[in-house]
Amino acid sequence: MAKKKNFPLRIDPALYEVIERWAQDEFRSVNAHIEFLLREAAKREGRLKKEKKEQEG
């Protein structure tokens, strides 16, 4: 697995609470859920290449 980039994120507290509850519903950490949401948005907009598993299947 590639090393992940660390960076500070400033986020509205109310939005953080929404994401925190949503992450709990999905059994993810807040960090993992934010990454999931960003990855899904990037895929939807065609800005992220398909992952190897998807190409093989």
N, C-alpha and C. Protein backbone atom coordinates (compact mmCIF):
# COMPACT_ATOMS: atom_id res chain seq x y z
N MET A 1 0.85 -1.18 0.00
CA MET A 1 0.00 0.00 0.00
C MET A 1 0.89 1.24 0.00
N ALA A 2 0.50 2.22 -0.78
CA ALA A 2 1.26 3.47 -0.85
C ALA A 2 1.13 4.25 0.45
N LYS A 3 2.18 4.98 0.75
CA LYS A 3 2.15 5.83 1.95
C LYS A 3 1.11 6.93 1.76
N LYS A 4 0.37 7.22 2.81
CA LYS A 4 -0.66 8.24 2.73
C LYS A 4 -0.10 9.60 3.11
N LYS A 5 -0.63 10.62 2.48
CA LYS A 5 -0.23 12.00 2.72
C LYS A 5 -0.97 12.54 3.93
N ASN A 6 -0.24 13.13 4.86
CA ASN A 6 -0.84 13.78 6.03
C ASN A 6 -0.97 15.27 5.78
N PHE A 7 -2.10 15.86 6.19
CA PHE A 7 -2.25 17.30 6.10
C PHE A 7 -3.34 17.74 7.07
N PRO A 8 -3.25 18.98 7.57
CA PRO A 8 -4.29 19.46 8.49
C PRO A 8 -5.56 19.80 7.73
N LEU A 9 -6.69 19.58 8.35
CA LEU A 9 -7.98 19.88 7.74
C LEU A 9 -8.81 20.71 8.70
N ARG A 10 -9.22 21.86 8.25
CA ARG A 10 -10.13 22.70 9.04
C ARG A 10 -11.53 22.44 8.51
N ILE A 11 -12.45 22.15 9.41
CA ILE A 11 -13.81 21.80 8.98
C ILE A 11 -14.81 22.37 9.98
N ASP A 12 -15.93 22.79 9.47
CA ASP A 12 -16.99 23.33 10.32
C ASP A 12 -17.40 22.27 11.35
N PRO A 13 -17.51 22.65 12.62
CA PRO A 13 -17.85 21.66 13.65
C PRO A 13 -19.17 20.92 13.41
N ALA A 14 -20.16 21.62 12.88
CA ALA A 14 -21.45 20.96 12.60
C ALA A 14 -21.29 19.91 11.51
N LEU A 15 -20.51 20.22 10.47
CA LEU A 15 -20.26 19.26 9.41
C LEU A 15 -19.47 18.07 9.95
N TYR A 16 -18.50 18.35 10.83
CA TYR A 16 -17.72 17.26 11.43
C TYR A 16 -18.64 16.31 12.19
N GLU A 17 -19.59 16.84 12.93
CA GLU A 17 -20.52 15.98 13.68
C GLU A 17 -21.34 15.10 12.74
N VAL A 18 -21.77 15.66 11.61
CA VAL A 18 -22.53 14.88 10.62
C VAL A 18 -21.66 13.74 10.09
N ILE A 19 -20.42 14.07 9.71
CA ILE A 19 -19.52 13.06 9.17
C ILE A 19 -19.17 12.02 10.23
N GLU A 20 -19.01 12.45 11.46
CA GLU A 20 -18.69 11.53 12.55
C GLU A 20 -19.82 10.51 12.75
N ARG A 21 -21.07 10.97 12.76
CA ARG A 21 -22.21 10.05 12.90
C ARG A 21 -22.32 9.13 11.69
N TRP A 22 -22.11 9.69 10.51
CA TRP A 22 -22.18 8.92 9.27
C TRP A 22 -21.10 7.84 9.26
N ALA A 23 -19.90 8.20 9.68
CA ALA A 23 -18.80 7.23 9.74
C ALA A 23 -19.15 6.09 10.70
N GLN A 24 -19.73 6.42 11.83
CA GLN A 24 -20.13 5.38 12.79
C GLN A 24 -21.16 4.44 12.17
N ASP A 25 -22.09 5.00 11.42
CA ASP A 25 -23.11 4.18 10.75
C ASP A 25 -22.48 3.20 9.75
N GLU A 26 -21.37 3.60 9.15
CA GLU A 26 -20.69 2.79 8.13
C GLU A 26 -19.52 1.98 8.71
N PHE A 27 -19.36 2.03 10.04
CA PHE A 27 -18.28 1.31 10.74
C PHE A 27 -16.90 1.72 10.22
N ARG A 28 -16.72 3.04 10.04
CA ARG A 28 -15.44 3.59 9.62
C ARG A 28 -15.00 4.65 10.62
N SER A 29 -13.70 4.95 10.60
CA SER A 29 -13.22 6.11 11.35
C SER A 29 -13.62 7.36 10.57
N VAL A 30 -13.58 8.50 11.22
CA VAL A 30 -13.89 9.74 10.53
C VAL A 30 -12.91 9.95 9.39
N ASN A 31 -11.63 9.71 9.65
CA ASN A 31 -10.61 9.89 8.62
C ASN A 31 -10.88 8.98 7.42
N ALA A 32 -11.16 7.71 7.68
CA ALA A 32 -11.43 6.77 6.59
C ALA A 32 -12.68 7.16 5.82
N HIS A 33 -13.68 7.68 6.53
CA HIS A 33 -14.92 8.05 5.85
C HIS A 33 -14.73 9.29 4.98
N ILE A 34 -13.96 10.26 5.46
CA ILE A 34 -13.66 11.44 4.65
C ILE A 34 -12.92 11.01 3.39
N GLU A 35 -11.94 10.11 3.52
CA GLU A 35 -11.22 9.62 2.35
C GLU A 35 -12.17 8.89 1.40
N PHE A 36 -13.05 8.07 1.94
CA PHE A 36 -14.03 7.35 1.12
C PHE A 36 -14.91 8.33 0.34
N LEU A 37 -15.43 9.35 1.02
CA LEU A 37 -16.30 10.32 0.36
C LEU A 37 -15.55 11.09 -0.73
N LEU A 38 -14.32 11.48 -0.46
CA LEU A 38 -13.53 12.19 -1.46
C LEU A 38 -13.22 11.31 -2.66
N ARG A 39 -12.88 10.04 -2.40
CA ARG A 39 -12.58 9.10 -3.48
C ARG A 39 -13.82 8.87 -4.36
N GLU A 40 -14.97 8.69 -3.74
CA GLU A 40 -16.21 8.48 -4.49
C GLU A 40 -16.55 9.71 -5.34
N ALA A 41 -16.37 10.89 -4.79
CA ALA A 41 -16.64 12.12 -5.55
C ALA A 41 -15.68 12.25 -6.72
N ALA A 42 -14.41 11.94 -6.51
CA ALA A 42 -13.41 12.02 -7.57
C ALA A 42 -13.72 11.01 -8.68
N LYS A 43 -14.15 9.81 -8.31
CA LYS A 43 -14.53 8.80 -9.31
C LYS A 43 -15.75 9.28 -10.11
N ARG A 44 -16.74 9.77 -9.40
CA ARG A 44 -17.98 10.22 -10.04
C ARG A 44 -17.71 11.33 -11.06
N GLU A 45 -16.76 12.19 -10.76
CA GLU A 45 -16.42 13.30 -11.65
C GLU A 45 -15.39 12.94 -12.71
N GLY A 46 -14.95 11.66 -12.72
CA GLY A 46 -14.00 11.22 -13.72
C GLY A 46 -12.59 11.74 -13.50
N ARG A 47 -12.26 12.09 -12.28
CA ARG A 47 -10.94 12.65 -11.98
C ARG A 47 -10.00 11.63 -11.36
N LEU A 48 -10.48 10.43 -11.13
CA LEU A 48 -9.65 9.39 -10.52
C LEU A 48 -9.70 8.17 -11.43
N LYS A 49 -8.52 7.67 -11.77
CA LYS A 49 -8.47 6.48 -12.62
C LYS A 49 -9.09 5.31 -11.87
N LYS A 50 -9.68 4.40 -12.61
CA LYS A 50 -10.27 3.21 -11.98
C LYS A 50 -9.17 2.41 -11.32
N GLU A 51 -9.50 1.82 -10.19
CA GLU A 51 -8.55 1.00 -9.47
C GLU A 51 -8.33 -0.31 -10.19
N LYS A 52 -7.19 -0.94 -9.97
CA LYS A 52 -6.80 -2.16 -10.67
C LYS A 52 -7.86 -3.25 -10.53
N LYS A 53 -8.42 -3.44 -9.34
CA LYS A 53 -9.42 -4.48 -9.12
C LYS A 53 -10.62 -4.28 -10.04
N GLU A 54 -11.06 -3.02 -10.21
CA GLU A 54 -12.21 -2.74 -11.05
C GLU A 54 -11.90 -3.02 -12.51
N GLN A 55 -10.66 -2.74 -12.95
CA GLN A 55 -10.27 -2.97 -14.34
C GLN A 55 -10.23 -4.44 -14.67
N GLU A 56 -9.79 -5.27 -13.70
CA GLU A 56 -9.68 -6.72 -13.93
C GLU A 56 -11.04 -7.39 -13.95
N GLY A 57 -12.00 -6.86 -13.17
CA GLY A 57 -13.30 -7.50 -13.02
C GLY A 57 -14.20 -7.15 -14.11
